[in-house]
Amino acid sequence: MNTEVFNYQKGNILEKVLKKKDVIAITGLSNSSIYLYIKAEKFPKPIKLGARRVGWKESEIQEWIDDKTKESRPDTMQ
């Protein structure tokens, strides 16, 4: 995956911000599905990076994936 890395800093923590194409590649969701889930408050909201660019905090996407894994595999997760 060829990614352009953005960083989001909150306090002393520096974190990667993923572009939309990377979020689509990582989650397997389509662009429209991502926005439907956001509207239903079932997916992390993006961060506005510019006039026509948004990104997502990598940790929030990873947490969403972890939650989905726990939901789909309740017997195998601790």
C-alpha atoms as a PDB file:
ATOM      1  CA  MET A   1       0.000   0.000   0.000  1.00  0.00           C
ATOM      2  CA  ASN A   2       1.556   3.286  -1.097  1.00  0.00           C
ATOM      3  CA  THR A   3       0.510   5.722   1.616  1.00  0.00           C
ATOM      4  CA  GLU A   4       1.126   9.340   2.327  1.00  0.00           C
ATOM      5  CA  VAL A   5       1.401   9.603   6.105  1.00  0.00           C
ATOM      6  CA  PHE A   6      -0.285  12.363   8.030  1.00  0.00           C
ATOM      7  CA  ASN A   7       0.223  12.716  11.740  1.00  0.00           C
ATOM      8  CA  TYR A   8      -2.247  13.777  14.391  1.00  0.00           C
ATOM      9  CA  GLN A   9      -0.862  14.996  17.680  1.00  0.00           C
ATOM     10  CA  LYS A  10      -2.869  15.057  20.881  1.00  0.00           C
ATOM     11  CA  GLY A  11      -0.783  15.971  23.871  1.00  0.00           C
ATOM     12  CA  ASN A  12       2.479  14.051  23.639  1.00  0.00           C
ATOM     13  CA  ILE A  13       1.049  11.278  21.452  1.00  0.00           C
ATOM     14  CA  LEU A  14       1.770  11.352  17.729  1.00  0.00           C
ATOM     15  CA  GLU A  15      -0.526   9.172  15.640  1.00  0.00           C
ATOM     16  CA  LYS A  16      -0.943   8.242  11.972  1.00  0.00           C
ATOM     17  CA  VAL A  17      -3.912   9.594  10.064  1.00  0.00           C
ATOM     18  CA  LEU A  18      -5.113   7.329   7.256  1.00  0.00           C
ATOM     19  CA  LYS A  19      -6.426   8.608   3.949  1.00  0.00           C
ATOM     20  CA  LYS A  20      -9.814   7.412   2.686  1.00  0.00           C
ATOM     21  CA  LYS A  21      -8.300   5.037   0.120  1.00  0.00           C
ATOM     22  CA  ASP A  22      -6.270   3.403   2.887  1.00  0.00           C
ATOM     23  CA  VAL A  23      -9.322   3.047   5.143  1.00  0.00           C
ATOM     24  CA  ILE A  24     -11.187   1.425   2.234  1.00  0.00           C
ATOM     25  CA  ALA A  25      -8.273  -0.969   1.626  1.00  0.00           C
ATOM     26  CA  ILE A  26      -7.865  -1.847   5.318  1.00  0.00           C
ATOM     27  CA  THR A  27     -11.550  -2.342   6.160  1.00  0.00           C
ATOM     28  CA  GLY A  28     -12.786  -3.737   2.854  1.00  0.00           C
ATOM     29  CA  LEU A  29     -15.727  -1.318   2.980  1.00  0.00           C
ATOM     30  CA  SER A  30     -16.829   0.777   0.033  1.00  0.00           C
ATOM     31  CA  ASN A  31     -16.803   4.560   0.161  1.00  0.00           C
ATOM     32  CA  SER A  32     -20.600   4.683   0.421  1.00  0.00           C
ATOM     33  CA  SER A  33     -20.672   2.024   3.173  1.00  0.00           C
ATOM     34  CA  ILE A  34     -18.197   4.013   5.242  1.00  0.00           C
ATOM     35  CA  TYR A  35     -20.401   7.108   5.107  1.00  0.00           C
ATOM     36  CA  LEU A  36     -23.572   5.096   5.804  1.00  0.00           C
ATOM     37  CA  TYR A  37     -21.901   3.624   8.910  1.00  0.00           C
ATOM     38  CA  ILE A  38     -20.720   7.091   9.984  1.00  0.00           C
ATOM     39  CA  LYS A  39     -24.266   8.435   9.629  1.00  0.00           C
ATOM     40  CA  ALA A  40     -25.543   5.513  11.732  1.00  0.00           C
ATOM     41  CA  GLU A  41     -22.757   6.233  14.276  1.00  0.00           C
ATOM     42  CA  LYS A  42     -21.251   2.779  13.680  1.00  0.00           C
ATOM     43  CA  PHE A  43     -17.912   3.936  12.254  1.00  0.00           C
ATOM     44  CA  PRO A  44     -15.366   6.540  13.413  1.00  0.00           C
ATOM     45  CA  LYS A  45     -15.898  10.060  12.120  1.00  0.00           C
ATOM     46  CA  PRO A  46     -13.164  11.472   9.888  1.00  0.00           C
ATOM     47  CA  ILE A  47     -10.866  14.358  10.695  1.00  0.00           C
ATOM     48  CA  LYS A  48     -11.007  17.274   8.254  1.00  0.00           C
ATOM     49  CA  LEU A  49      -7.500  17.757   6.849  1.00  0.00           C
ATOM     50  CA  GLY A  50      -8.254  20.384   4.239  1.00  0.00           C
ATOM     51  CA  ALA A  51     -10.970  21.818   2.046  1.00  0.00           C
ATOM     52  CA  ARG A  52     -11.506  18.511   0.220  1.00  0.00           C
ATOM     53  CA  ARG A  53      -9.547  15.987   2.247  1.00  0.00           C
ATOM     54  CA  VAL A  54     -10.388  13.900   5.286  1.00  0.00           C
ATOM     55  CA  GLY A  55      -8.541  11.232   7.229  1.00  0.00           C
ATOM     56  CA  TRP A  56      -9.112   8.794  10.058  1.00  0.00           C
ATOM     57  CA  LYS A  57      -7.004   8.174  13.136  1.00  0.00           C
ATOM     58  CA  GLU A  58      -5.334   4.800  12.721  1.00  0.00           C
ATOM     59  CA  SER A  59      -6.132   3.823  16.319  1.00  0.00           C
ATOM     60  CA  GLU A  60      -9.860   4.433  15.809  1.00  0.00           C
ATOM     61  CA  ILE A  61      -9.915   2.272  12.673  1.00  0.00           C
ATOM     62  CA  GLN A  62      -8.002  -0.477  14.483  1.00  0.00           C
ATOM     63  CA  GLU A  63     -10.440  -0.287  17.403  1.00  0.00           C
ATOM     64  CA  TRP A  64     -13.389  -0.584  14.972  1.00  0.00           C
ATOM     65  CA  ILE A  65     -11.777  -3.665  13.397  1.00  0.00           C
ATOM     66  CA  ASP A  66     -11.130  -5.175  16.840  1.00  0.00           C
ATOM     67  CA  ASP A  67     -14.759  -4.566  17.851  1.00  0.00           C
ATOM     68  CA  LYS A  68     -16.040  -6.166  14.635  1.00  0.00           C
ATOM     69  CA  THR A  69     -13.767  -9.162  15.229  1.00  0.00           C
ATOM     70  CA  LYS A  70     -15.086  -9.582  18.773  1.00  0.00           C
ATOM     71  CA  GLU A  71     -18.690  -9.373  17.519  1.00  0.00           C
ATOM     72  CA  SER A  72     -18.144 -11.986  14.817  1.00  0.00           C
ATOM     73  CA  ARG A  73     -15.977 -14.334  16.929  1.00  0.00           C
ATOM     74  CA  PRO A  74     -17.260 -14.091  20.503  1.00  0.00           C
ATOM     75  CA  ASP A  75     -15.984 -17.581  21.444  1.00  0.00           C
ATOM     76  CA  THR A  76     -12.391 -16.982  20.346  1.00  0.00           C
ATOM     77  CA  MET A  77     -11.752 -13.504  21.768  1.00  0.00           C
ATOM     78  CA  GLN A  78     -10.813 -12.738  25.348  1.00  0.00           C
END
